[in-house]
PDB file of N, CA and C in Angstrom:
ATOM      1  N   MET A   1     145.574  91.326  36.420  1.00  0.00           N
ATOM      2  CA  MET A   1     145.827  90.744  37.789  1.00  0.00           C
ATOM      3  C   MET A   1     146.662  91.873  38.538  1.00  0.00           C
ATOM      4  N   SER A   2     146.338  91.779  39.872  1.00  0.00           N
ATOM      5  CA  SER A   2     146.771  93.083  40.613  1.00  0.00           C
ATOM      6  C   SER A   2     147.725  92.845  41.524  1.00  0.00           C
ATOM      7  N   ALA A   3     148.335  91.738  41.774  1.00  0.00           N
ATOM      8  CA  ALA A   3     149.361  91.439  42.688  1.00  0.00           C
ATOM      9  C   ALA A   3     150.738  92.261  42.317  1.00  0.00           C
ATOM     10  N   ASP A   4     151.663  92.377  43.110  1.00  0.00           N
ATOM     11  CA  ASP A   4     152.818  92.992  42.788  1.00  0.00           C
ATOM     12  C   ASP A   4     153.626  92.087  41.764  1.00  0.00           C
ATOM     13  N   SER A   5     153.649  92.552  40.516  1.00  0.00           N
ATOM     14  CA  SER A   5     154.241  91.684  39.434  1.00  0.00           C
ATOM     15  C   SER A   5     155.741  91.481  39.772  1.00  0.00           C
ATOM     16  N   SER A   6     156.432  92.170  40.531  1.00  0.00           N
ATOM     17  CA  SER A   6     157.845  91.839  40.849  1.00  0.00           C
ATOM     18  C   SER A   6     158.082  90.574  41.630  1.00  0.00           C
ATOM     19  N   TRP A   7     156.931  90.251  42.391  1.00  0.00           N
ATOM     20  CA  TRP A   7     157.115  89.054  43.046  1.00  0.00           C
ATOM     21  C   TRP A   7     156.411  87.883  42.305  1.00  0.00           C
ATOM     22  N   GLY A   8     155.305  88.264  41.400  1.00  0.00           N
ATOM     23  CA  GLY A   8     154.603  87.131  40.659  1.00  0.00           C
ATOM     24  C   GLY A   8     153.361  86.915  41.482  1.00  0.00           C
ATOM     25  N   MET A   9     152.318  86.611  40.770  1.00  0.00           N
ATOM     26  CA  MET A   9     151.136  86.111  41.459  1.00  0.00           C
ATOM     27  C   MET A   9     151.134  84.585  41.446  1.00  0.00           C
ATOM     28  N   THR A  10     150.653  84.083  42.584  1.00  0.00           N
ATOM     29  CA  THR A  10     150.621  82.562  42.616  1.00  0.00           C
ATOM     30  C   THR A  10     149.091  82.128  42.904  1.00  0.00           C
ATOM     31  N   ALA A  11     148.213  82.891  42.999  1.00  0.00           N
ATOM     32  CA  ALA A  11     146.833  82.577  43.293  1.00  0.00           C
ATOM     33  C   ALA A  11     145.918  83.691  42.887  1.00  0.00           C
ATOM     34  N   THR A  12     144.697  83.368  42.622  1.00  0.00           N
ATOM     35  CA  THR A  12     143.647  84.334  42.407  1.00  0.00           C
ATOM     36  C   THR A  12     142.754  84.470  43.550  1.00  0.00           C
ATOM     37  N   ARG A  13     142.883  83.516  44.473  1.00  0.00           N
ATOM     38  CA  ARG A  13     141.969  83.780  45.686  1.00  0.00           C
ATOM     39  C   ARG A  13     142.867  83.427  46.839  1.00  0.00           C
ATOM     40  N   ILE A  14     142.849  84.381  47.843  1.00  0.00           N
ATOM     41  CA  ILE A  14     143.692  84.171  49.047  1.00  0.00           C
ATOM     42  C   ILE A  14     142.765  84.105  50.239  1.00  0.00           C
ATOM     43  N   TYR A  15     143.393  83.659  51.349  1.00  0.00           N
ATOM     44  CA  TYR A  15     142.566  83.307  52.735  1.00  0.00           C
ATOM     45  C   TYR A  15     143.250  83.913  53.865  1.00  0.00           C
ATOM     46  N   LYS A  16     142.352  84.412  54.820  1.00  0.00           N
ATOM     47  CA  LYS A  16     142.861  84.889  56.104  1.00  0.00           C
ATOM     48  C   LYS A  16     142.119  83.941  57.207  1.00  0.00           C
ATOM     49  N   LEU A  17     143.033  83.487  57.960  1.00  0.00           N
ATOM     50  CA  LEU A  17     142.490  82.798  59.263  1.00  0.00           C
ATOM     51  C   LEU A  17     142.183  83.757  60.397  1.00  0.00           C
ATOM     52  N   LEU A  18     140.949  83.769  60.925  1.00  0.00           N
ATOM     53  CA  LEU A  18     140.652  84.692  61.981  1.00  0.00           C
ATOM     54  C   LEU A  18     140.085  83.679  63.115  1.00  0.00           C
ATOM     55  N   THR A  19     140.130  84.322  64.393  1.00  0.00           N
ATOM     56  CA  THR A  19     139.435  83.665  65.517  1.00  0.00           C
ATOM     57  C   THR A  19     137.880  84.103  65.434  1.00  0.00           C
ATOM     58  N   ALA A  20     136.944  83.399  66.029  1.00  0.00           N
ATOM     59  CA  ALA A  20     135.574  83.731  66.025  1.00  0.00           C
ATOM     60  C   ALA A  20     135.436  85.165  66.423  1.00  0.00           C
ATOM     61  N   GLY A  21     136.167  85.485  67.694  1.00  0.00           N
ATOM     62  CA  GLY A  21     136.022  86.970  68.037  1.00  0.00           C
ATOM     63  C   GLY A  21     136.548  87.979  67.150  1.00  0.00           C
ATOM     64  N   GLN A  22     137.576  87.595  66.385  1.00  0.00           N
ATOM     65  CA  GLN A  22     138.104  88.630  65.404  1.00  0.00           C
ATOM     66  C   GLN A  22     137.027  88.862  64.256  1.00  0.00           C
ATOM     67  N   TRP A  23     136.556  87.729  63.863  1.00  0.00           N
ATOM     68  CA  TRP A  23     135.510  87.828  62.757  1.00  0.00           C
ATOM     69  C   TRP A  23     134.295  88.498  63.214  1.00  0.00           C
ATOM     70  N   ARG A  24     133.824  88.327  64.523  1.00  0.00           N
ATOM     71  CA  ARG A  24     132.610  89.113  64.977  1.00  0.00           C
ATOM     72  C   ARG A  24     132.985  90.554  64.982  1.00  0.00           C
ATOM     73  N   ALA A  25     134.092  90.869  65.505  1.00  0.00           N
ATOM     74  CA  ALA A  25     134.460  92.293  65.529  1.00  0.00           C
ATOM     75  C   ALA A  25     134.548  92.985  64.121  1.00  0.00           C
ATOM     76  N   ALA A  26     135.104  92.316  63.159  1.00  0.00           N
ATOM     77  CA  ALA A  26     135.240  92.791  61.854  1.00  0.00           C
ATOM     78  C   ALA A  26     133.854  92.974  61.164  1.00  0.00           C
ATOM     79  N   LYS A  27     132.929  92.026  61.456  1.00  0.00           N
ATOM     80  CA  LYS A  27     131.621  92.145  60.925  1.00  0.00           C
ATOM     81  C   LYS A  27     130.754  93.391  61.678  1.00  0.00           C
ATOM     82  N   ALA A  28     131.083  93.593  62.945  1.00  0.00           N
ATOM     83  CA  ALA A  28     130.400  94.784  63.535  1.00  0.00           C
ATOM     84  C   ALA A  28     130.998  95.980  62.996  1.00  0.00           C
ATOM     85  N   ALA A  29     132.375  96.131  62.713  1.00  0.00           N
ATOM     86  CA  ALA A  29     132.918  97.296  62.192  1.00  0.00           C
ATOM     87  C   ALA A  29     132.819  97.422  60.544  1.00  0.00           C
ATOM     88  N   GLY A  30     132.448  96.411  59.937  1.00  0.00           N
ATOM     89  CA  GLY A  30     132.407  96.489  58.567  1.00  0.00           C
ATOM     90  C   GLY A  30     133.718  96.455  57.812  1.00  0.00           C
ATOM     91  N   VAL A  31     134.755  96.152  58.623  1.00  0.00           N
ATOM     92  CA  VAL A  31     136.020  96.212  58.051  1.00  0.00           C
ATOM     93  C   VAL A  31     136.992  95.372  58.899  1.00  0.00           C
ATOM     94  N   PHE A  32     137.985  94.672  58.350  1.00  0.00           N
ATOM     95  CA  PHE A  32     138.966  94.186  59.181  1.00  0.00           C
ATOM     96  C   PHE A  32     140.361  94.814  59.008  1.00  0.00           C
ATOM     97  N   ARG A  33     140.740  95.332  60.131  1.00  0.00           N
ATOM     98  CA  ARG A  33     141.963  96.047  60.135  1.00  0.00           C
ATOM     99  C   ARG A  33     143.159  95.159  60.621  1.00  0.00           C
ATOM    100  N   GLY A  34     143.135  93.915  60.859  1.00  0.00           N
ATOM    101  CA  GLY A  34     144.147  93.177  61.103  1.00  0.00           C
ATOM    102  C   GLY A  34     144.081  92.831  62.676  1.00  0.00           C
ATOM    103  N   ALA A  35     144.900  91.639  62.856  1.00  0.00           N
ATOM    104  CA  ALA A  35     145.076  91.013  64.243  1.00  0.00           C
ATOM    105  C   ALA A  35     146.324  91.385  64.698  1.00  0.00           C
ATOM    106  N   PRO A  36     146.701  91.229  65.972  1.00  0.00           N
ATOM    107  CA  PRO A  36     147.967  91.652  66.621  1.00  0.00           C
ATOM    108  C   PRO A  36     149.138  91.362  65.717  1.00  0.00           C
ATOM    109  N   ASP A  37     149.244  90.186  65.323  1.00  0.00           N
ATOM    110  CA  ASP A  37     150.568  89.928  64.470  1.00  0.00           C
ATOM    111  C   ASP A  37     150.626  90.858  63.186  1.00  0.00           C
ATOM    112  N   ASP A  38     149.212  91.077  62.639  1.00  0.00           N
ATOM    113  CA  ASP A  38     149.346  92.069  61.405  1.00  0.00           C
ATOM    114  C   ASP A  38     149.814  93.402  61.810  1.00  0.00           C
ATOM    115  N   TRP A  39     149.165  93.915  62.890  1.00  0.00           N
ATOM    116  CA  TRP A  39     149.603  95.386  63.346  1.00  0.00           C
ATOM    117  C   TRP A  39     151.149  95.439  63.437  1.00  0.00           C
ATOM    118  N   ARG A  40     151.584  94.470  64.288  1.00  0.00           N
ATOM    119  CA  ARG A  40     153.104  94.379  64.473  1.00  0.00           C
ATOM    120  C   ARG A  40     153.881  94.420  63.100  1.00  0.00           C
ATOM    121  N   ASP A  41     153.421  93.750  62.173  1.00  0.00           N
ATOM    122  CA  ASP A  41     154.251  93.522  60.858  1.00  0.00           C
ATOM    123  C   ASP A  41     153.850  94.712  59.895  1.00  0.00           C
ATOM    124  N   GLY A  42     152.739  95.308  60.160  1.00  0.00           N
ATOM    125  CA  GLY A  42     152.412  96.551  59.229  1.00  0.00           C
ATOM    126  C   GLY A  42     151.574  96.172  57.864  1.00  0.00           C
ATOM    127  N   PHE A  43     150.976  94.941  57.974  1.00  0.00           N
ATOM    128  CA  PHE A  43     150.266  94.536  56.795  1.00  0.00           C
ATOM    129  C   PHE A  43     149.369  93.309  57.312  1.00  0.00           C
ATOM    130  N   ILE A  44     148.439  92.919  56.596  1.00  0.00           N
ATOM    131  CA  ILE A  44     147.553  91.806  56.977  1.00  0.00           C
ATOM    132  C   ILE A  44     147.997  90.637  56.199  1.00  0.00           C
ATOM    133  N   HIS A  45     148.216  89.486  57.019  1.00  0.00           N
ATOM    134  CA  HIS A  45     148.942  88.312  56.517  1.00  0.00           C
ATOM    135  C   HIS A  45     147.757  87.508  55.924  1.00  0.00           C
ATOM    136  N   PHE A  46     147.966  87.054  54.686  1.00  0.00           N
ATOM    137  CA  PHE A  46     147.082  86.123  54.091  1.00  0.00           C
ATOM    138  C   PHE A  46     147.819  84.790  53.690  1.00  0.00           C
ATOM    139  N   SER A  47     147.119  83.735  53.254  1.00  0.00           N
ATOM    140  CA  SER A  47     147.830  82.499  52.758  1.00  0.00           C
ATOM    141  C   SER A  47     147.058  82.217  51.377  1.00  0.00           C
ATOM    142  N   ASP A  48     147.718  81.489  50.611  1.00  0.00           N
ATOM    143  CA  ASP A  48     147.050  80.757  49.474  1.00  0.00           C
ATOM    144  C   ASP A  48     146.527  79.352  50.012  1.00  0.00           C
ATOM    145  N   ALA A  49     145.763  78.784  49.300  1.00  0.00           N
ATOM    146  CA  ALA A  49     145.179  77.467  49.629  1.00  0.00           C
ATOM    147  C   ALA A  49     146.242  76.456  50.044  1.00  0.00           C
ATOM    148  N   SER A  50     147.410  76.410  49.358  1.00  0.00           N
ATOM    149  CA  SER A  50     148.376  75.487  49.647  1.00  0.00           C
ATOM    150  C   SER A  50     149.124  75.837  51.098  1.00  0.00           C
ATOM    151  N   GLN A  51     148.974  77.057  51.556  1.00  0.00           N
ATOM    152  CA  GLN A  51     149.701  77.455  52.747  1.00  0.00           C
ATOM    153  C   GLN A  51     148.857  77.370  54.014  1.00  0.00           C
ATOM    154  N   LEU A  52     147.524  77.191  53.723  1.00  0.00           N
ATOM    155  CA  LEU A  52     146.499  77.319  54.929  1.00  0.00           C
ATOM    156  C   LEU A  52     146.760  76.341  56.062  1.00  0.00           C
ATOM    157  N   ARG A  53     147.024  75.103  55.660  1.00  0.00           N
ATOM    158  CA  ARG A  53     147.149  74.111  56.921  1.00  0.00           C
ATOM    159  C   ARG A  53     148.464  74.404  57.719  1.00  0.00           C
ATOM    160  N   GLU A  54     149.449  74.852  57.167  1.00  0.00           N
ATOM    161  CA  GLU A  54     150.632  75.153  57.980  1.00  0.00           C
ATOM    162  C   GLU A  54     150.577  76.461  58.636  1.00  0.00           C
ATOM    163  N   THR A  55     149.790  77.344  57.992  1.00  0.00           N
ATOM    164  CA  THR A  55     149.613  78.662  58.832  1.00  0.00           C
ATOM    165  C   THR A  55     148.594  78.347  59.982  1.00  0.00           C
ATOM    166  N   ALA A  56     147.505  77.539  59.848  1.00  0.00           N
ATOM    167  CA  ALA A  56     146.781  77.198  61.025  1.00  0.00           C
ATOM    168  C   ALA A  56     147.488  76.417  62.036  1.00  0.00           C
ATOM    169  N   ARG A  57     148.341  75.464  61.624  1.00  0.00           N
ATOM    170  CA  ARG A  57     149.222  74.779  62.654  1.00  0.00           C
ATOM    171  C   ARG A  57     150.230  75.698  63.456  1.00  0.00           C
ATOM    172  N   LYS A  58     150.811  76.515  62.662  1.00  0.00           N
ATOM    173  CA  LYS A  58     151.915  77.305  63.255  1.00  0.00           C
ATOM    174  C   LYS A  58     151.387  78.441  64.130  1.00  0.00           C
ATOM    175  N   HIS A  59     150.217  79.140  63.564  1.00  0.00           N
ATOM    176  CA  HIS A  59     149.821  80.421  64.346  1.00  0.00           C
ATOM    177  C   HIS A  59     148.539  80.339  65.047  1.00  0.00           C
ATOM    178  N   PHE A  60     147.760  79.000  64.914  1.00  0.00           N
ATOM    179  CA  PHE A  60     146.445  79.042  65.593  1.00  0.00           C
ATOM    180  C   PHE A  60     146.265  77.845  66.381  1.00  0.00           C
ATOM    181  N   ALA A  61     147.241  77.046  66.697  1.00  0.00           N
ATOM    182  CA  ALA A  61     147.170  75.842  67.478  1.00  0.00           C
ATOM    183  C   ALA A  61     146.515  76.207  68.730  1.00  0.00           C
ATOM    184  N   GLY A  62     145.548  75.570  69.167  1.00  0.00           N
ATOM    185  CA  GLY A  62     144.782  75.869  70.439  1.00  0.00           C
ATOM    186  C   GLY A  62     143.925  76.979  70.393  1.00  0.00           C
ATOM    187  N   ALA A  63     143.656  77.659  69.303  1.00  0.00           N
ATOM    188  CA  ALA A  63     142.913  79.104  69.297  1.00  0.00           C
ATOM    189  C   ALA A  63     141.447  78.634  69.225  1.00  0.00           C
ATOM    190  N   GLY A  64     140.932  77.303  69.273  1.00  0.00           N
ATOM    191  CA  GLY A  64     139.519  77.118  69.216  1.00  0.00           C
ATOM    192  C   GLY A  64     139.090  77.264  67.721  1.00  0.00           C
ATOM    193  N   PRO A  65     137.693  77.332  67.504  1.00  0.00           N
ATOM    194  CA  PRO A  65     137.174  77.351  66.174  1.00  0.00           C
ATOM    195  C   PRO A  65     137.680  78.632  65.346  1.00  0.00           C
ATOM    196  N   LEU A  66     137.982  78.450  64.051  1.00  0.00           N
ATOM    197  CA  LEU A  66     138.529  79.516  63.273  1.00  0.00           C
ATOM    198  C   LEU A  66     137.399  79.938  62.311  1.00  0.00           C
ATOM    199  N   LYS A  67     137.482  81.057  61.486  1.00  0.00           N
ATOM    200  CA  LYS A  67     136.895  81.429  60.357  1.00  0.00           C
ATOM    201  C   LYS A  67     137.954  81.571  59.334  1.00  0.00           C
ATOM    202  N   ILE A  68     137.637  81.130  58.185  1.00  0.00           N
ATOM    203  CA  ILE A  68     138.605  81.433  57.015  1.00  0.00           C
ATOM    204  C   ILE A  68     137.840  82.185  56.014  1.00  0.00           C
ATOM    205  N   ILE A  69     138.349  83.477  55.780  1.00  0.00           N
ATOM    206  CA  ILE A  69     137.752  84.306  54.840  1.00  0.00           C
ATOM    207  C   ILE A  69     138.602  84.308  53.502  1.00  0.00           C
ATOM    208  N   ALA A  70     137.741  84.113  52.547  1.00  0.00           N
ATOM    209  CA  ALA A  70     138.373  84.141  51.114  1.00  0.00           C
ATOM    210  C   ALA A  70     138.116  85.349  50.371  1.00  0.00           C
ATOM    211  N   VAL A  71     139.223  85.919  49.664  1.00  0.00           N
ATOM    212  CA  VAL A  71     139.217  87.212  49.002  1.00  0.00           C
ATOM    213  C   VAL A  71     139.888  86.948  47.560  1.00  0.00           C
ATOM    214  N   GLU A  72     139.127  87.489  46.594  1.00  0.00           N
ATOM    215  CA  GLU A  72     139.581  87.386  45.313  1.00  0.00           C
ATOM    216  C   GLU A  72     140.767  88.459  45.180  1.00  0.00           C
ATOM    217  N   THR A  73     141.867  87.908  44.588  1.00  0.00           N
ATOM    218  CA  THR A  73     143.081  88.966  44.663  1.00  0.00           C
ATOM    219  C   THR A  73     142.778  90.224  43.695  1.00  0.00           C
ATOM    220  N   ASP A  74     142.070  90.064  42.698  1.00  0.00           N
ATOM    221  CA  ASP A  74     141.739  91.298  41.925  1.00  0.00           C
ATOM    222  C   ASP A  74     141.167  92.428  42.668  1.00  0.00           C
ATOM    223  N   ALA A  75     140.328  92.000  43.703  1.00  0.00           N
ATOM    224  CA  ALA A  75     139.591  93.081  44.458  1.00  0.00           C
ATOM    225  C   ALA A  75     140.561  93.964  45.299  1.00  0.00           C
ATOM    226  N   LEU A  76     141.688  93.532  45.537  1.00  0.00           N
ATOM    227  CA  LEU A  76     142.618  94.160  46.378  1.00  0.00           C
ATOM    228  C   LEU A  76     143.575  95.221  45.730  1.00  0.00           C
ATOM    229  N   GLY A  77     143.705  95.113  44.453  1.00  0.00           N
ATOM    230  CA  GLY A  77     144.487  96.188  43.817  1.00  0.00           C
ATOM    231  C   GLY A  77     145.888  96.200  44.183  1.00  0.00           C
ATOM    232  N   ASP A  78     146.638  97.336  44.111  1.00  0.00           N
ATOM    233  CA  ASP A  78     147.956  97.362  44.433  1.00  0.00           C
ATOM    234  C   ASP A  78     148.284  97.268  45.862  1.00  0.00           C
ATOM    235  N   ALA A  79     147.455  97.234  46.869  1.00  0.00           N
ATOM    236  CA  ALA A  79     147.637  97.087  48.178  1.00  0.00           C
ATOM    237  C   ALA A  79     148.036  95.759  48.482  1.00  0.00           C
ATOM    238  N   LEU A  80     147.972  94.728  47.678  1.00  0.00           N
ATOM    239  CA  LEU A  80     148.364  93.504  47.831  1.00  0.00           C
ATOM    240  C   LEU A  80     149.717  93.218  47.201  1.00  0.00           C
ATOM    241  N   LYS A  81     150.564  92.633  48.109  1.00  0.00           N
ATOM    242  CA  LYS A  81     151.999  92.327  47.708  1.00  0.00           C
ATOM    243  C   LYS A  81     152.294  90.868  47.985  1.00  0.00           C
ATOM    244  N   TRP A  82     152.968  90.215  46.954  1.00  0.00           N
ATOM    245  CA  TRP A  82     153.299  88.809  47.261  1.00  0.00           C
ATOM    246  C   TRP A  82     154.810  89.023  47.695  1.00  0.00           C
ATOM    247  N   GLU A  83     155.233  88.512  48.919  1.00  0.00           N
ATOM    248  CA  GLU A  83     156.466  88.793  49.469  1.00  0.00           C
ATOM    249  C   GLU A  83     157.082  87.491  50.158  1.00  0.00           C
ATOM    250  N   PRO A  84     158.389  87.299  49.997  1.00  0.00           N
ATOM    251  CA  PRO A  84     158.974  85.951  50.682  1.00  0.00           C
ATOM    252  C   PRO A  84     158.738  86.010  52.240  1.00  0.00           C
ATOM    253  N   SER A  85     158.446  84.742  52.661  1.00  0.00           N
ATOM    254  CA  SER A  85     158.243  84.557  54.148  1.00  0.00           C
ATOM    255  C   SER A  85     158.768  83.120  54.445  1.00  0.00           C
ATOM    256  N   ARG A  86     158.016  82.377  55.200  1.00  0.00           N
ATOM    257  CA  ARG A  86     158.426  80.980  55.561  1.00  0.00           C
ATOM    258  C   ARG A  86     159.234  80.332  54.482  1.00  0.00           C
ATOM    259  N   GLY A  87     160.410  80.059  54.722  1.00  0.00           N
ATOM    260  CA  GLY A  87     161.165  79.237  53.831  1.00  0.00           C
ATOM    261  C   GLY A  87     161.368  79.804  52.403  1.00  0.00           C
ATOM    262  N   GLY A  88     161.219  81.109  52.359  1.00  0.00           N
ATOM    263  CA  GLY A  88     161.289  81.770  51.021  1.00  0.00           C
ATOM    264  C   GLY A  88     160.032  81.764  50.155  1.00  0.00           C
ATOM    265  N   ALA A  89     158.973  81.084  50.604  1.00  0.00           N
ATOM    266  CA  ALA A  89     157.760  80.877  49.876  1.00  0.00           C
ATOM    267  C   ALA A  89     157.011  82.451  49.837  1.00  0.00           C
ATOM    268  N   LEU A  90     156.359  82.678  48.683  1.00  0.00           N
ATOM    269  CA  LEU A  90     155.758  83.890  48.658  1.00  0.00           C
ATOM    270  C   LEU A  90     154.395  83.836  49.229  1.00  0.00           C
ATOM    271  N   PHE A  91     154.058  84.853  50.158  1.00  0.00           N
ATOM    272  CA  PHE A  91     152.925  84.997  50.759  1.00  0.00           C
ATOM    273  C   PHE A  91     152.220  86.162  50.421  1.00  0.00           C
ATOM    274  N   PRO A  92     150.838  86.208  50.225  1.00  0.00           N
ATOM    275  CA  PRO A  92     150.145  87.535  50.026  1.00  0.00           C
ATOM    276  C   PRO A  92     150.069  88.419  51.302  1.00  0.00           C
ATOM    277  N   HIS A  93     150.342  89.677  51.141  1.00  0.00           N
ATOM    278  CA  HIS A  93     150.208  90.725  52.283  1.00  0.00           C
ATOM    279  C   HIS A  93     149.565  91.779  51.789  1.00  0.00           C
ATOM    280  N   LEU A  94     148.466  92.109  52.508  1.00  0.00           N
ATOM    281  CA  LEU A  94     147.691  93.282  52.268  1.00  0.00           C
ATOM    282  C   LEU A  94     148.074  94.496  53.011  1.00  0.00           C
ATOM    283  N   TYR A  95     148.464  95.614  52.233  1.00  0.00           N
ATOM    284  CA  TYR A  95     148.929  96.831  53.062  1.00  0.00           C
ATOM    285  C   TYR A  95     147.840  97.824  53.028  1.00  0.00           C
ATOM    286  N   GLY A  96     146.978  97.640  53.988  1.00  0.00           N
ATOM    287  CA  GLY A  96     145.666  98.429  54.093  1.00  0.00           C
ATOM    288  C   GLY A  96     144.550  97.562  54.710  1.00  0.00           C
ATOM    289  N   ASP A  97     143.568  98.148  55.045  1.00  0.00           N
ATOM    290  CA  ASP A  97     142.257  97.452  55.589  1.00  0.00           C
ATOM    291  C   ASP A  97     141.720  96.558  54.699  1.00  0.00           C
ATOM    292  N   LEU A  98     140.927  95.688  55.164  1.00  0.00           N
ATOM    293  CA  LEU A  98     140.127  94.731  54.350  1.00  0.00           C
ATOM    294  C   LEU A  98     138.680  95.121  54.461  1.00  0.00           C
ATOM    295  N   LYS A  99     137.928  95.667  53.523  1.00  0.00           N
ATOM    296  CA  LYS A  99     136.634  96.033  53.624  1.00  0.00           C
ATOM    297  C   LYS A  99     135.685  94.712  53.336  1.00  0.00           C
ATOM    298  N   LEU A 100     134.884  94.344  54.313  1.00  0.00           N
ATOM    299  CA  LEU A 100     134.254  93.228  54.239  1.00  0.00           C
ATOM    300  C   LEU A 100     133.326  92.962  52.983  1.00  0.00           C
ATOM    301  N   ASP A 101     133.133  93.966  52.137  1.00  0.00           N
ATOM    302  CA  ASP A 101     132.486  93.786  50.844  1.00  0.00           C
ATOM    303  C   ASP A 101     133.310  93.122  49.840  1.00  0.00           C
ATOM    304  N   MET A 102     134.667  93.004  50.282  1.00  0.00           N
ATOM    305  CA  MET A 102     135.581  92.310  49.434  1.00  0.00           C
ATOM    306  C   MET A 102     135.745  90.776  49.663  1.00  0.00           C
ATOM    307  N   VAL A 103     135.124  90.442  50.738  1.00  0.00           N
ATOM    308  CA  VAL A 103     135.106  88.900  51.177  1.00  0.00           C
ATOM    309  C   VAL A 103     134.306  88.117  50.253  1.00  0.00           C
ATOM    310  N   ALA A 104     134.823  87.074  49.687  1.00  0.00           N
ATOM    311  CA  ALA A 104     133.896  86.351  48.562  1.00  0.00           C
ATOM    312  C   ALA A 104     133.207  85.159  49.397  1.00  0.00           C
ATOM    313  N   ASP A 105     133.827  84.515  50.259  1.00  0.00           N
ATOM    314  CA  ASP A 105     133.238  83.370  51.017  1.00  0.00           C
ATOM    315  C   ASP A 105     133.906  83.490  52.454  1.00  0.00           C
ATOM    316  N   VAL A 106     133.038  82.776  53.244  1.00  0.00           N
ATOM    317  CA  VAL A 106     133.423  82.573  54.619  1.00  0.00           C
ATOM    318  C   VAL A 106     133.359  80.974  55.030  1.00  0.00           C
ATOM    319  N   PHE A 107     134.413  80.379  55.633  1.00  0.00           N
ATOM    320  CA  PHE A 107     134.414  79.002  55.863  1.00  0.00           C
ATOM    321  C   PHE A 107     134.571  78.793  57.424  1.00  0.00           C
ATOM    322  N   ASP A 108     134.047  77.773  58.001  1.00  0.00           N
ATOM    323  CA  ASP A 108     134.386  77.293  59.173  1.00  0.00           C
ATOM    324  C   ASP A 108     135.601  76.297  59.344  1.00  0.00           C
ATOM    325  N   ALA A 109     136.482  76.396  60.347  1.00  0.00           N
ATOM    326  CA  ALA A 109     137.593  75.574  60.487  1.00  0.00           C
ATOM    327  C   ALA A 109     137.570  75.136  61.965  1.00  0.00           C
ATOM    328  N   PRO A 110     136.729  74.175  62.447  1.00  0.00           N
ATOM    329  CA  PRO A 110     136.743  73.844  63.845  1.00  0.00           C
ATOM    330  C   PRO A 110     137.934  72.955  64.167  1.00  0.00           C
ATOM    331  N   PRO A 111     138.237  72.954  65.423  1.00  0.00           N
ATOM    332  CA  PRO A 111     139.393  71.994  65.964  1.00  0.00           C
ATOM    333  C   PRO A 111     139.063  70.657  65.860  1.00  0.00           C
ATOM    334  N   GLY A 112     139.994  69.620  65.492  1.00  0.00           N
ATOM    335  CA  GLY A 112     139.501  68.274  65.303  1.00  0.00           C
ATOM    336  C   GLY A 112     139.879  67.666  66.662  1.00  0.00           C
ATOM    337  N   ASP A 113     139.770  66.297  66.800  1.00  0.00           N
ATOM    338  CA  ASP A 113     140.121  65.624  68.093  1.00  0.00           C
ATOM    339  C   ASP A 113     141.479  65.717  68.437  1.00  0.00           C
ATOM    340  N   ASP A 114     142.297  65.825  67.449  1.00  0.00           N
ATOM    341  CA  ASP A 114     143.774  65.963  67.499  1.00  0.00           C
ATOM    342  C   ASP A 114     144.343  67.364  67.808  1.00  0.00           C
ATOM    343  N   GLY A 115     143.292  68.360  67.811  1.00  0.00           N
ATOM    344  CA  GLY A 115     143.548  69.827  68.017  1.00  0.00           C
ATOM    345  C   GLY A 115     143.891  70.508  66.733  1.00  0.00           C
ATOM    346  N   ALA A 116     144.248  69.846  65.647  1.00  0.00           N
ATOM    347  CA  ALA A 116     144.553  70.494  64.366  1.00  0.00           C
ATOM    348  C   ALA A 116     143.164  71.009  63.807  1.00  0.00           C
ATOM    349  N   HIS A 117     143.148  72.077  63.168  1.00  0.00           N
ATOM    350  CA  HIS A 117     142.011  72.527  62.633  1.00  0.00           C
ATOM    351  C   HIS A 117     141.458  71.758  61.376  1.00  0.00           C
ATOM    352  N   ILE A 118     140.265  71.513  61.190  1.00  0.00           N
ATOM    353  CA  ILE A 118     139.694  70.963  60.040  1.00  0.00           C
ATOM    354  C   ILE A 118     139.284  71.999  58.971  1.00  0.00           C
ATOM    355  N   LEU A 119     140.170  71.842  57.939  1.00  0.00           N
ATOM    356  CA  LEU A 119     139.903  72.900  56.882  1.00  0.00           C
ATOM    357  C   LEU A 119     139.043  72.333  55.938  1.00  0.00           C
ATOM    358  N   PRO A 120     138.222  72.971  55.285  1.00  0.00           N
ATOM    359  CA  PRO A 120     137.325  72.540  54.063  1.00  0.00           C
ATOM    360  C   PRO A 120     138.096  71.855  53.055  1.00  0.00           C
ATOM    361  N   SER A 121     137.695  70.603  52.694  1.00  0.00           N
ATOM    362  CA  SER A 121     138.492  69.743  51.647  1.00  0.00           C
ATOM    363  C   SER A 121     138.613  70.509  50.404  1.00  0.00           C
ATOM    364  N   ASP A 122     137.563  71.296  49.958  1.00  0.00           N
ATOM    365  CA  ASP A 122     137.852  71.981  48.759  1.00  0.00           C
ATOM    366  C   ASP A 122     138.919  73.122  48.662  1.00  0.00           C
ATOM    367  N   LEU A 123     139.367  73.482  49.785  1.00  0.00           N
ATOM    368  CA  LEU A 123     140.362  74.496  49.852  1.00  0.00           C
ATOM    369  C   LEU A 123     141.675  74.137  49.922  1.00  0.00           C
ATOM    370  N   VAL A 124     141.948  73.010  50.455  1.00  0.00           N
ATOM    371  CA  VAL A 124     143.400  72.394  50.591  1.00  0.00           C
ATOM    372  C   VAL A 124     143.526  71.112  49.896  1.00  0.00           C
TER     373      VAL A 124
END
């Protein structure tokens, strides 16, 4: 397993929420280099499955339809670090670009009638 062992690995598959425009741009480039929040912080923010709903609520409310990209942690090597964030929970952070050939799955997360994104039931 290739996450930073000083923090411990909590998942073998992690997820990145993207707007439809961010996903189109990444597909065109063949690589995802992050979103504005990622550039500001110096790493690409990911979530494990248990963190997805809160990440969508906190950071993507009103953003319209989202894409969820799934990545196997083993594919990311030493560039993946698990670091404390919200409330001390460990979150996966990728220090580098995400090559799209590392993406295992892509899911849709449309907004529901209440504005909250509808996440695939097998992820959360």
